Amino acid sequence: MPSIDQIVLPKVPISTKPFGDDPIPFIEAARREHDWLAATEIGYLVTSYRAIEDILRLDTKLKMPGAEIVDRI
C-alpha cells in the first residue's frame, strides 16, 4: 500500500472565500478524482462519510497532534 504522500490527490482550497461560501462543489469535484481523500494547504480532507466512519473506528490507534506536549505540562 502506498503512503499518503505517494498518492496523487485532488487539491481543495479550503482557505478561500469561494470554498467558505459553498464547499460542496469543491468536495464533489475532489470525489471525482479520489473517492475519499483530498489534499489542502493545511493537510488532508476526508471527503467520504464512509471513510470518516472507518477512521473513527480506528480511534485507539489515532493520536491527537500535540498530545505529547500536553502530557509534559
C-alpha atoms as a PDB file:
ATOM      1  CA  MET A   1       0.000   0.000   0.000  1.00  0.00           C
ATOM      2  CA  PRO A   2       1.433   3.414  -0.923  1.00  0.00           C
ATOM      3  CA  SER A   3       1.973   6.010   1.755  1.00  0.00           C
ATOM      4  CA  ILE A   4      -0.247   9.083   1.687  1.00  0.00           C
ATOM      5  CA  ASP A   5       2.470  11.261   0.164  1.00  0.00           C
ATOM      6  CA  GLN A   6       2.738   8.865  -2.806  1.00  0.00           C
ATOM      7  CA  ILE A   7      -0.942   9.201  -3.756  1.00  0.00           C
ATOM      8  CA  VAL A   8      -1.955  11.810  -6.320  1.00  0.00           C
ATOM      9  CA  LEU A   9      -4.770  13.673  -4.599  1.00  0.00           C
ATOM     10  CA  PRO A  10      -7.083  16.440  -5.725  1.00  0.00           C
ATOM     11  CA  LYS A  11      -6.389  19.832  -4.179  1.00  0.00           C
ATOM     12  CA  VAL A  12      -9.173  21.574  -2.280  1.00  0.00           C
ATOM     13  CA  PRO A  13      -8.674  25.292  -1.492  1.00  0.00           C
ATOM     14  CA  ILE A  14     -10.303  25.285   1.940  1.00  0.00           C
ATOM     15  CA  SER A  15      -8.924  28.667   2.998  1.00  0.00           C
ATOM     16  CA  THR A  16     -10.534  30.546   0.120  1.00  0.00           C
ATOM     17  CA  LYS A  17     -13.732  32.580   0.166  1.00  0.00           C
ATOM     18  CA  PRO A  18     -15.375  30.535  -2.627  1.00  0.00           C
ATOM     19  CA  PHE A  19     -14.859  27.349  -0.611  1.00  0.00           C
ATOM     20  CA  GLY A  20     -16.178  29.049   2.516  1.00  0.00           C
ATOM     21  CA  ASP A  21     -19.228  30.315   0.654  1.00  0.00           C
ATOM     22  CA  ASP A  22     -20.107  26.925  -0.864  1.00  0.00           C
ATOM     23  CA  PRO A  23     -17.798  23.958  -0.188  1.00  0.00           C
ATOM     24  CA  ILE A  24     -19.994  21.279  -1.801  1.00  0.00           C
ATOM     25  CA  PRO A  25     -18.868  21.801  -5.436  1.00  0.00           C
ATOM     26  CA  PHE A  26     -15.225  21.582  -4.358  1.00  0.00           C
ATOM     27  CA  ILE A  27     -15.826  18.387  -2.394  1.00  0.00           C
ATOM     28  CA  GLU A  28     -17.822  16.809  -5.212  1.00  0.00           C
ATOM     29  CA  ALA A  29     -15.060  17.659  -7.706  1.00  0.00           C
ATOM     30  CA  ALA A  30     -12.454  16.155  -5.369  1.00  0.00           C
ATOM     31  CA  ARG A  31     -14.508  12.951  -5.043  1.00  0.00           C
ATOM     32  CA  ARG A  32     -14.443  12.544  -8.826  1.00  0.00           C
ATOM     33  CA  GLU A  33     -10.626  12.397  -8.661  1.00  0.00           C
ATOM     34  CA  HIS A  34     -10.250  10.319  -5.482  1.00  0.00           C
ATOM     35  CA  ASP A  35     -13.161   8.593  -3.806  1.00  0.00           C
ATOM     36  CA  TRP A  36     -12.444   9.584  -0.208  1.00  0.00           C
ATOM     37  CA  LEU A  37      -9.417  11.856   0.271  1.00  0.00           C
ATOM     38  CA  ALA A  38      -8.183  15.276  -0.863  1.00  0.00           C
ATOM     39  CA  ALA A  39      -5.210  17.488  -0.065  1.00  0.00           C
ATOM     40  CA  THR A  40      -5.500  21.025   1.277  1.00  0.00           C
ATOM     41  CA  GLU A  41      -2.964  23.706   2.060  1.00  0.00           C
ATOM     42  CA  ILE A  42      -3.055  22.689   5.734  1.00  0.00           C
ATOM     43  CA  GLY A  43      -3.308  18.907   5.498  1.00  0.00           C
ATOM     44  CA  TYR A  44      -5.796  16.339   4.259  1.00  0.00           C
ATOM     45  CA  LEU A  45      -9.571  16.387   3.919  1.00  0.00           C
ATOM     46  CA  VAL A  46     -11.622  13.203   4.170  1.00  0.00           C
ATOM     47  CA  THR A  47     -14.456  13.632   1.677  1.00  0.00           C
ATOM     48  CA  SER A  48     -16.444  10.444   2.289  1.00  0.00           C
ATOM     49  CA  TYR A  49     -18.775   9.758   5.203  1.00  0.00           C
ATOM     50  CA  ARG A  50     -17.895   6.060   4.985  1.00  0.00           C
ATOM     51  CA  ALA A  51     -14.169   6.824   5.222  1.00  0.00           C
ATOM     52  CA  ILE A  52     -14.770   9.086   8.218  1.00  0.00           C
ATOM     53  CA  GLU A  53     -16.712   6.300   9.879  1.00  0.00           C
ATOM     54  CA  ASP A  54     -13.921   3.803   9.147  1.00  0.00           C
ATOM     55  CA  ILE A  55     -11.270   6.169  10.511  1.00  0.00           C
ATOM     56  CA  LEU A  56     -13.264   6.806  13.682  1.00  0.00           C
ATOM     57  CA  ARG A  57     -13.329   3.050  14.302  1.00  0.00           C
ATOM     58  CA  LEU A  58      -9.515   3.239  14.489  1.00  0.00           C
ATOM     59  CA  ASP A  59      -9.817   5.647  17.415  1.00  0.00           C
ATOM     60  CA  THR A  60      -7.478   3.686  19.694  1.00  0.00           C
ATOM     61  CA  LYS A  61      -4.729   3.853  17.048  1.00  0.00           C
ATOM     62  CA  LEU A  62      -5.092   7.582  16.369  1.00  0.00           C
ATOM     63  CA  LYS A  63      -3.041  10.183  18.183  1.00  0.00           C
ATOM     64  CA  MET A  64      -4.044  13.778  18.666  1.00  0.00           C
ATOM     65  CA  PRO A  65      -1.368  16.152  17.348  1.00  0.00           C
ATOM     66  CA  GLY A  66       0.467  17.727  20.228  1.00  0.00           C
ATOM     67  CA  ALA A  67      -0.656  15.145  22.786  1.00  0.00           C
ATOM     68  CA  GLU A  68       2.944  14.605  23.859  1.00  0.00           C
ATOM     69  CA  ILE A  69       3.204  18.320  24.673  1.00  0.00           C
ATOM     70  CA  VAL A  70       0.089  18.235  26.846  1.00  0.00           C
ATOM     71  CA  ASP A  71       1.434  15.205  28.734  1.00  0.00           C
ATOM     72  CA  ARG A  72       4.584  17.134  29.652  1.00  0.00           C
ATOM     73  CA  ILE A  73       2.847  20.217  31.041  1.00  0.00           C
END
